[in-house]
Amino acid sequence: MTGGHLQIVVCGAGPATDVAQLIEAAQQRCWTAAVTATPSAMDFIETQSLETLTGHPVRSTYQSSPGTRRSLPATDALIIAPATYNSINKIALGLADNYAMTSVAELIGRQVPTVIVPFVNAALTARAPFRHAVASLRDEGVRVLLGPDDHWEPHPPGSGNERQKFFPWTAAFETAAQLAHESRPAAPGHA
């Protein structure tokens, strides 16, 4: 699928510093993008450069900046990346305690094709709450890129800094674009 609007929700983890790679991957396929950040992610991202790159303000609170539109283009796909242990558990439980989580809950509820890319160590992914959250999200139709089939495994505790450079930004976008394409109704006369 060429063209569309990608909503990106960034959580507070090391790879967030490189979210421009995701935006650029989308723009190369003629997609527009906008970024919403969890409160913790604000310490990881360069807001002004992301706003320049996307043409949209980075949102992290319910308050919009003076003179900016509150609404964004219709969303064709949602990517939550890097997704933290905390955020994945919140999303699965439907907890909406900040603007980013409220946006995610609404977009999933509207059945917008959604991809989550965890950045979580192996000790955390071994926990029952995390395993249940991933299973629950997958049951709800959310694509969680995690495991051998997705070529993205949890990293050993304490190795996040080394692992961050391999974060699968392009795979995340390609997966989201494919899901968006599959969810679009076929044009009349096309099977």
Protein backbone atom coordinates (compact mmCIF):
# COMPACT_ATOMS: atom_id res chain seq x y z
CA MET A 1 0.00 0.00 0.00
CA THR A 2 1.36 3.37 -1.00
CA GLY A 3 0.09 6.40 0.86
CA GLY A 4 -1.83 6.69 4.08
CA HIS A 5 -1.46 8.24 7.49
CA LEU A 6 0.58 6.57 10.21
CA GLN A 7 0.05 7.42 13.86
CA ILE A 8 3.14 6.60 15.93
CA VAL A 9 3.04 6.26 19.70
CA VAL A 10 6.49 6.35 21.27
CA CYS A 11 7.15 5.01 24.77
CA GLY A 12 10.07 5.77 27.06
CA ALA A 13 12.77 3.34 25.96
CA GLY A 14 16.16 3.75 24.29
CA PRO A 15 15.09 3.16 20.66
CA ALA A 16 12.70 6.14 20.91
CA THR A 17 15.68 8.37 20.09
CA ASP A 18 15.66 6.82 16.60
CA VAL A 19 11.92 7.11 15.79
CA ALA A 20 12.80 9.34 12.84
CA GLN A 21 13.82 6.11 11.06
CA LEU A 22 10.19 4.97 11.22
CA ILE A 23 8.91 8.32 9.96
CA GLU A 24 11.37 8.26 7.07
CA ALA A 25 10.38 4.68 6.14
CA ALA A 26 6.75 5.82 5.99
CA GLN A 27 7.54 8.95 4.00
CA GLN A 28 9.50 6.93 1.44
CA ARG A 29 6.22 5.10 0.70
CA CYS A 30 4.27 8.40 0.46
CA TRP A 31 2.72 8.09 3.93
CA THR A 32 2.29 10.98 6.32
CA ALA A 33 3.07 10.46 9.99
CA ALA A 34 2.45 12.05 13.36
CA VAL A 35 3.98 11.25 16.74
CA THR A 36 2.34 10.97 20.12
CA ALA A 37 4.64 10.38 23.08
CA THR A 38 4.03 8.94 26.52
CA PRO A 39 5.18 11.27 29.30
CA SER A 40 8.30 9.11 29.82
CA ALA A 41 9.15 9.18 26.11
CA MET A 42 9.52 12.97 26.14
CA ASP A 43 12.97 12.53 27.71
CA PHE A 44 14.10 10.38 24.77
CA ILE A 45 12.92 12.32 21.71
CA GLU A 46 13.83 15.58 19.98
CA THR A 47 10.37 17.09 19.71
CA GLN A 48 11.24 19.97 17.41
CA SER A 49 13.06 17.82 14.84
CA LEU A 50 10.18 15.31 14.79
CA GLU A 51 7.68 18.13 14.27
CA THR A 52 9.75 19.47 11.40
CA LEU A 53 10.00 16.01 9.86
CA THR A 54 6.27 15.19 10.16
CA GLY A 55 4.71 18.64 9.85
CA HIS A 56 2.58 17.83 12.92
CA PRO A 57 3.08 18.73 16.58
CA VAL A 58 4.27 15.95 18.87
CA ARG A 59 1.40 15.36 21.28
CA SER A 60 1.94 14.15 24.83
CA THR A 61 -0.89 15.81 26.73
CA TYR A 62 -4.57 16.47 26.24
CA GLN A 63 -3.79 20.17 25.79
CA SER A 64 -2.92 21.19 22.25
CA SER A 65 -0.42 23.93 21.57
CA PRO A 66 -1.90 27.35 20.82
CA GLY A 67 -2.63 27.76 17.12
CA THR A 68 -2.43 24.03 16.30
CA ARG A 69 -5.19 21.80 15.05
CA ARG A 70 -6.45 19.28 17.58
CA SER A 71 -7.31 16.68 14.99
CA LEU A 72 -4.99 14.70 12.76
CA PRO A 73 -5.72 13.10 9.41
CA ALA A 74 -7.72 9.87 9.49
CA THR A 75 -5.38 7.15 10.71
CA ASP A 76 -4.69 4.22 8.39
CA ALA A 77 -2.30 2.44 10.77
CA LEU A 78 -0.95 2.74 14.30
CA ILE A 79 2.50 1.70 15.47
CA ILE A 80 3.44 1.68 19.15
CA ALA A 81 7.22 1.52 19.24
CA PRO A 82 9.30 1.12 21.20
CA ALA A 83 6.66 -0.33 23.51
CA THR A 84 7.68 -0.83 27.12
CA TYR A 85 6.65 -3.56 29.53
CA ASN A 86 4.47 -1.05 31.36
CA SER A 87 2.76 0.29 28.23
CA ILE A 88 2.05 -3.15 26.79
CA ASN A 89 0.39 -4.23 30.03
CA LYS A 90 -1.62 -0.98 30.16
CA ILE A 91 -2.78 -1.32 26.56
CA ALA A 92 -3.91 -4.92 27.11
CA LEU A 93 -5.86 -3.91 30.21
CA GLY A 94 -7.38 -0.87 28.53
CA LEU A 95 -5.78 1.55 30.99
CA ALA A 96 -5.77 5.08 29.64
CA ASP A 97 -3.91 7.12 32.24
CA ASN A 98 -2.26 9.54 29.80
CA TYR A 99 -2.96 11.03 26.38
CA ALA A 100 -0.90 8.43 24.48
CA MET A 101 -2.65 5.47 26.14
CA THR A 102 -6.06 7.05 25.57
CA SER A 103 -5.22 7.53 21.88
CA VAL A 104 -4.07 3.91 21.59
CA ALA A 105 -7.20 2.61 23.31
CA GLU A 106 -9.43 4.59 20.98
CA LEU A 107 -7.59 3.67 17.78
CA ILE A 108 -7.61 -0.03 18.65
CA GLY A 109 -11.31 0.27 19.51
CA ARG A 110 -11.88 1.85 16.09
CA GLN A 111 -10.14 -1.22 14.60
CA VAL A 112 -7.27 0.77 13.11
CA PRO A 113 -4.58 -1.73 12.03
CA THR A 114 -2.13 -1.74 14.93
CA VAL A 115 1.45 -2.96 15.33
CA ILE A 116 3.28 -3.05 18.66
CA VAL A 117 7.05 -3.53 18.78
CA PRO A 118 8.20 -4.29 22.33
CA PHE A 119 11.58 -3.23 23.66
CA VAL A 120 11.60 -5.43 26.73
CA ASN A 121 14.23 -7.66 28.28
CA ALA A 122 13.87 -11.42 28.61
CA ALA A 123 13.30 -11.30 32.37
CA LEU A 124 10.27 -9.07 31.90
CA THR A 125 8.87 -11.08 28.99
CA ALA A 126 9.06 -14.19 31.17
CA ARG A 127 6.52 -12.67 33.57
CA ALA A 128 2.97 -14.02 33.39
CA PRO A 129 1.37 -10.52 33.20
CA PHE A 130 3.40 -9.71 30.08
CA ARG A 131 2.70 -13.05 28.40
CA HIS A 132 -1.03 -12.64 29.12
CA ALA A 133 -0.96 -9.06 27.80
CA VAL A 134 0.66 -10.10 24.51
CA ALA A 135 -1.81 -12.98 24.09
CA SER A 136 -4.76 -10.68 24.87
CA LEU A 137 -3.60 -8.06 22.37
CA ARG A 138 -3.08 -10.68 19.67
CA ASP A 139 -6.57 -12.06 20.38
CA GLU A 140 -7.90 -8.55 19.83
CA GLY A 141 -6.23 -8.37 16.41
CA VAL A 142 -3.20 -6.30 17.39
CA ARG A 143 0.00 -7.42 15.67
CA VAL A 144 2.75 -7.74 18.31
CA LEU A 145 6.15 -8.14 16.65
CA LEU A 146 7.86 -10.46 19.09
CA GLY A 147 9.37 -13.91 18.78
CA PRO A 148 11.28 -15.99 16.26
CA ASP A 149 8.67 -15.60 13.50
CA ASP A 150 9.10 -11.82 13.70
CA HIS A 151 12.91 -11.95 14.00
CA TRP A 152 12.66 -9.78 17.12
CA GLU A 153 13.48 -11.39 20.44
CA PRO A 154 13.67 -9.91 23.93
CA HIS A 155 17.20 -8.92 24.88
CA PRO A 156 19.09 -10.20 27.92
CA PRO A 157 18.76 -7.92 30.97
CA GLY A 158 21.34 -5.16 30.88
CA SER A 159 21.95 -5.37 27.12
CA GLY A 160 19.38 -2.86 25.88
CA ASN A 161 21.96 -0.29 24.78
CA GLU A 162 23.57 -2.76 22.38
CA ARG A 163 20.21 -4.10 21.15
CA GLN A 164 18.69 -0.70 20.46
CA LYS A 165 20.58 -0.19 17.17
CA PHE A 166 18.86 -3.29 15.73
CA PHE A 167 15.32 -2.10 16.53
CA PRO A 168 13.07 -3.20 13.60
CA TRP A 169 11.70 0.17 12.48
CA THR A 170 11.39 -0.83 8.82
CA ALA A 171 9.74 -4.18 9.62
CA ALA A 172 7.27 -2.35 11.85
CA PHE A 173 6.28 0.00 9.05
CA GLU A 174 6.08 -2.76 6.43
CA THR A 175 3.84 -4.81 8.73
CA ALA A 176 1.57 -1.83 9.45
CA ALA A 177 1.33 -0.90 5.76
CA GLN A 178 0.40 -4.50 4.88
CA LEU A 179 -2.27 -4.61 7.60
CA ALA A 180 -3.67 -1.28 6.40
CA HIS A 181 -3.78 -2.57 2.82
CA GLU A 182 -5.56 -5.76 3.89
CA SER A 183 -8.13 -3.82 5.91
CA ARG A 184 -9.16 -1.54 3.03
CA PRO A 185 -12.28 -2.59 1.17
CA ALA A 186 -11.64 -3.76 -2.36
CA ALA A 187 -12.50 -1.29 -5.08
CA PRO A 188 -15.71 -2.13 -7.00
CA GLY A 189 -14.98 -4.66 -9.72
CA HIS A 190 -11.79 -5.92 -8.00
CA ALA A 191 -11.52 -9.16 -6.12
